[in-house]
Amino acid sequence: MKKRKVSCFVVVDRSNKLFNVIEGIGNVGVWNRKIEERQSMGADVYGLPSPKSVNTLIQEYQDRFGYRYTTDSVLC
């Protein structure tokens, strides 16, 4: 099975309807740990890797889910 190329990581805050996209990720595990930490504190956040471009991801999340893109981290 071929591993898919991951170029971005999307972090979504469902309670505030915000998301941001992190480019050029090296280790997905680092971001997953940060998300798990925030979830353990009660935040409604999740993240997922994606091979899509930043612009494509921003457009898709705004159009499909009505979430607002932010350059600020939603993990703060």
C-alpha atoms as a PDB file:
ATOM      1  CA  MET A   1       0.000   0.000   0.000  1.00  0.00           C
ATOM      2  CA  LYS A   2       1.364   3.400  -0.987  1.00  0.00           C
ATOM      3  CA  LYS A   3       1.520   6.113   1.656  1.00  0.00           C
ATOM      4  CA  ARG A   4      -0.240   9.311   0.566  1.00  0.00           C
ATOM      5  CA  LYS A   5       1.718  12.546   0.570  1.00  0.00           C
ATOM      6  CA  VAL A   6       0.643  14.952   3.274  1.00  0.00           C
ATOM      7  CA  SER A   7       1.337  18.619   2.665  1.00  0.00           C
ATOM      8  CA  CYS A   8      -0.995  20.360   5.134  1.00  0.00           C
ATOM      9  CA  PHE A   9      -2.712  19.807   8.440  1.00  0.00           C
ATOM     10  CA  VAL A  10      -6.152  21.290   9.121  1.00  0.00           C
ATOM     11  CA  VAL A  11      -7.042  22.208  12.710  1.00  0.00           C
ATOM     12  CA  VAL A  12     -10.742  22.836  13.360  1.00  0.00           C
ATOM     13  CA  ASP A  13     -12.446  24.400  16.380  1.00  0.00           C
ATOM     14  CA  ARG A  14     -16.061  23.294  16.087  1.00  0.00           C
ATOM     15  CA  SER A  15     -17.403  25.342  18.991  1.00  0.00           C
ATOM     16  CA  ASN A  16     -16.144  28.631  17.521  1.00  0.00           C
ATOM     17  CA  LYS A  17     -16.538  27.552  13.863  1.00  0.00           C
ATOM     18  CA  LEU A  18     -12.905  28.458  13.148  1.00  0.00           C
ATOM     19  CA  PHE A  19     -10.106  26.612  11.403  1.00  0.00           C
ATOM     20  CA  ASN A  20      -6.552  27.125  10.317  1.00  0.00           C
ATOM     21  CA  VAL A  21      -4.245  25.286   7.946  1.00  0.00           C
ATOM     22  CA  ILE A  22      -0.646  24.458   8.787  1.00  0.00           C
ATOM     23  CA  GLU A  23       1.656  24.072   5.789  1.00  0.00           C
ATOM     24  CA  GLY A  24       4.744  21.963   5.412  1.00  0.00           C
ATOM     25  CA  ILE A  25       4.150  19.688   8.358  1.00  0.00           C
ATOM     26  CA  GLY A  26       6.912  17.267   9.131  1.00  0.00           C
ATOM     27  CA  ASN A  27       5.441  15.098  11.856  1.00  0.00           C
ATOM     28  CA  VAL A  28       1.675  14.697  12.136  1.00  0.00           C
ATOM     29  CA  GLY A  29       2.123  13.178  15.603  1.00  0.00           C
ATOM     30  CA  VAL A  30       3.197  16.530  17.031  1.00  0.00           C
ATOM     31  CA  TRP A  31      -0.064  18.158  15.942  1.00  0.00           C
ATOM     32  CA  ASN A  32      -2.145  15.193  17.079  1.00  0.00           C
ATOM     33  CA  ARG A  33      -0.641  15.482  20.574  1.00  0.00           C
ATOM     34  CA  LYS A  34      -1.437  19.210  20.707  1.00  0.00           C
ATOM     35  CA  ILE A  35      -5.023  18.491  19.679  1.00  0.00           C
ATOM     36  CA  GLU A  36      -5.373  15.708  22.262  1.00  0.00           C
ATOM     37  CA  GLU A  37      -4.066  18.087  24.929  1.00  0.00           C
ATOM     38  CA  ARG A  38      -6.711  20.704  24.064  1.00  0.00           C
ATOM     39  CA  GLN A  39      -9.433  18.032  23.921  1.00  0.00           C
ATOM     40  CA  SER A  40      -8.467  16.859  27.414  1.00  0.00           C
ATOM     41  CA  MET A  41      -9.099  20.444  28.575  1.00  0.00           C
ATOM     42  CA  GLY A  42     -12.616  20.329  27.089  1.00  0.00           C
ATOM     43  CA  ALA A  43     -12.028  22.024  23.727  1.00  0.00           C
ATOM     44  CA  ASP A  44     -14.058  20.774  20.761  1.00  0.00           C
ATOM     45  CA  VAL A  45     -11.152  20.641  18.310  1.00  0.00           C
ATOM     46  CA  TYR A  46      -9.923  18.091  15.811  1.00  0.00           C
ATOM     47  CA  GLY A  47      -7.294  17.905  13.122  1.00  0.00           C
ATOM     48  CA  LEU A  48      -6.557  15.979   9.996  1.00  0.00           C
ATOM     49  CA  PRO A  49      -3.727  15.750   7.488  1.00  0.00           C
ATOM     50  CA  SER A  50      -4.425  16.508   3.847  1.00  0.00           C
ATOM     51  CA  PRO A  51      -2.556  16.309   0.544  1.00  0.00           C
ATOM     52  CA  LYS A  52      -4.584  19.290  -0.763  1.00  0.00           C
ATOM     53  CA  SER A  53      -3.209  22.813  -1.121  1.00  0.00           C
ATOM     54  CA  VAL A  54      -3.821  25.502   1.475  1.00  0.00           C
ATOM     55  CA  ASN A  55      -6.058  27.532  -0.843  1.00  0.00           C
ATOM     56  CA  THR A  56      -8.171  24.493  -1.725  1.00  0.00           C
ATOM     57  CA  LEU A  57      -8.622  23.571   1.941  1.00  0.00           C
ATOM     58  CA  ILE A  58      -9.571  27.113   2.926  1.00  0.00           C
ATOM     59  CA  GLN A  59     -12.164  27.332   0.160  1.00  0.00           C
ATOM     60  CA  GLU A  60     -13.626  23.894   0.938  1.00  0.00           C
ATOM     61  CA  TYR A  61     -14.026  24.465   4.678  1.00  0.00           C
ATOM     62  CA  GLN A  62     -15.569  27.897   4.187  1.00  0.00           C
ATOM     63  CA  ASP A  63     -17.973  26.724   1.467  1.00  0.00           C
ATOM     64  CA  ARG A  64     -18.938  23.282   2.822  1.00  0.00           C
ATOM     65  CA  PHE A  65     -19.065  23.931   6.565  1.00  0.00           C
ATOM     66  CA  GLY A  66     -19.388  27.697   6.939  1.00  0.00           C
ATOM     67  CA  TYR A  67     -16.300  27.821   9.156  1.00  0.00           C
ATOM     68  CA  ARG A  68     -14.130  30.923   9.223  1.00  0.00           C
ATOM     69  CA  TYR A  69     -10.421  30.713   8.357  1.00  0.00           C
ATOM     70  CA  THR A  70      -8.001  32.320  10.788  1.00  0.00           C
ATOM     71  CA  THR A  71      -4.245  32.733  10.705  1.00  0.00           C
ATOM     72  CA  ASP A  72      -4.209  32.563  14.504  1.00  0.00           C
ATOM     73  CA  SER A  73      -3.827  29.122  16.032  1.00  0.00           C
ATOM     74  CA  VAL A  74      -7.100  27.559  17.119  1.00  0.00           C
ATOM     75  CA  LEU A  75      -5.112  25.489  19.626  1.00  0.00           C
ATOM     76  CA  CYS A  76      -4.385  28.428  21.946  1.00  0.00           C
END
